[in-house]
Protein backbone atom coordinates (compact mmCIF):
# COMPACT_ATOMS: atom_id res chain seq x y z
CA MET A 1 3.21 -30.08 9.12
CA ILE A 2 4.12 -26.39 8.96
CA LEU A 3 2.41 -24.29 6.31
CA LEU A 4 4.27 -21.20 5.20
CA ASN A 5 2.38 -18.17 3.99
CA PHE A 6 4.05 -16.78 0.88
CA MET A 7 1.17 -14.50 -0.05
CA LYS A 8 2.49 -11.01 -0.66
CA LYS A 9 0.80 -7.92 0.77
CA ILE A 10 0.31 -4.92 -1.49
CA LEU A 11 -0.88 -1.48 -0.40
CA ILE A 12 -2.42 0.84 -2.99
CA LEU A 13 -2.38 4.50 -1.98
CA ASP A 14 -4.51 6.75 -4.15
CA ASN A 15 -7.24 9.24 -3.35
CA ARG A 16 -9.15 8.49 -6.58
CA LYS A 17 -11.49 5.53 -6.19
CA ALA A 18 -11.53 4.70 -9.92
CA SER A 19 -7.73 4.46 -10.00
CA VAL A 20 -7.67 2.21 -6.93
CA GLU A 21 -10.27 -0.13 -8.43
CA GLU A 22 -8.34 -0.34 -11.69
CA LYS A 23 -5.14 -1.31 -9.88
CA LYS A 24 -6.99 -3.78 -7.64
CA ASN A 25 -8.52 -5.50 -10.67
CA LEU A 26 -5.12 -5.88 -12.28
CA LEU A 27 -3.40 -7.19 -9.14
CA SER A 28 -6.24 -9.51 -8.09
CA ARG A 29 -5.02 -11.99 -10.70
CA TYR A 30 -2.03 -12.78 -8.53
CA ASP A 31 -1.70 -14.55 -5.21
CA CYS A 32 -1.60 -11.46 -3.01
CA THR A 33 -3.58 -9.56 -0.42
CA ILE A 34 -4.48 -6.03 -1.46
CA PHE A 35 -4.98 -3.17 0.99
CA THR A 36 -6.04 0.35 0.07
CA ALA A 37 -5.59 3.78 1.61
CA ALA A 38 -6.79 7.23 0.57
CA SER A 39 -4.15 9.32 2.39
CA GLY A 40 -0.50 9.14 3.32
CA GLU A 41 -1.31 9.00 7.02
CA GLU A 42 -3.77 6.14 6.52
CA ALA A 43 -1.22 4.25 4.41
CA ILE A 44 1.52 4.60 7.03
CA GLU A 45 -0.79 3.24 9.72
CA MET A 46 -1.82 0.36 7.43
CA HIS A 47 1.83 -0.44 6.69
CA ARG A 48 2.73 -0.40 10.39
CA LYS A 49 -0.12 -2.82 11.10
CA GLU A 50 0.28 -5.17 8.12
CA LYS A 51 3.98 -4.82 7.15
CA VAL A 52 3.16 -4.79 3.44
CA ASP A 53 5.67 -5.97 0.85
CA LEU A 54 4.89 -3.36 -1.80
CA ILE A 55 3.35 0.12 -1.73
CA ILE A 56 1.94 1.65 -4.90
CA ARG A 57 1.47 5.40 -4.45
CA ASP A 58 0.33 8.24 -6.67
CA LEU A 59 3.17 10.79 -6.57
CA ASP A 60 0.90 13.81 -6.97
CA MET A 61 -1.38 13.32 -3.97
CA PRO A 62 -2.50 16.24 -1.83
CA GLY A 63 -1.22 16.38 1.74
CA MET A 64 1.94 14.46 2.51
CA THR A 65 4.66 14.68 -0.16
CA ALA A 66 6.12 11.52 -1.68
CA GLU A 67 9.46 12.32 -0.01
CA GLY A 68 7.79 12.79 3.37
CA PHE A 69 5.88 9.55 2.95
CA CYS A 70 9.01 7.56 2.10
CA SER A 71 10.85 9.17 5.00
CA ASN A 72 8.11 8.04 7.41
CA ILE A 73 8.27 4.48 6.06
CA ARG A 74 12.09 4.40 6.37
CA ASP A 75 11.90 5.72 9.95
CA ASP A 76 10.03 2.55 10.94
CA TYR A 77 13.07 0.40 10.10
């Protein structure tokens, strides 16, 4: 018997711990695995390792711009 894993992987990218915890609590009700990252660079590495299905990112984070982040993700495909 072959078991298929349909559990979705979600990456939450936010540098504010309270915001991450709030989102994790909301999403933990669903059948998914939740990863977190505090910087754009950390999130890109996590995505490369885990191939997440959805990335939730704060648009106003310091460091890497949202456009730069999306560009890095697209470059992997």
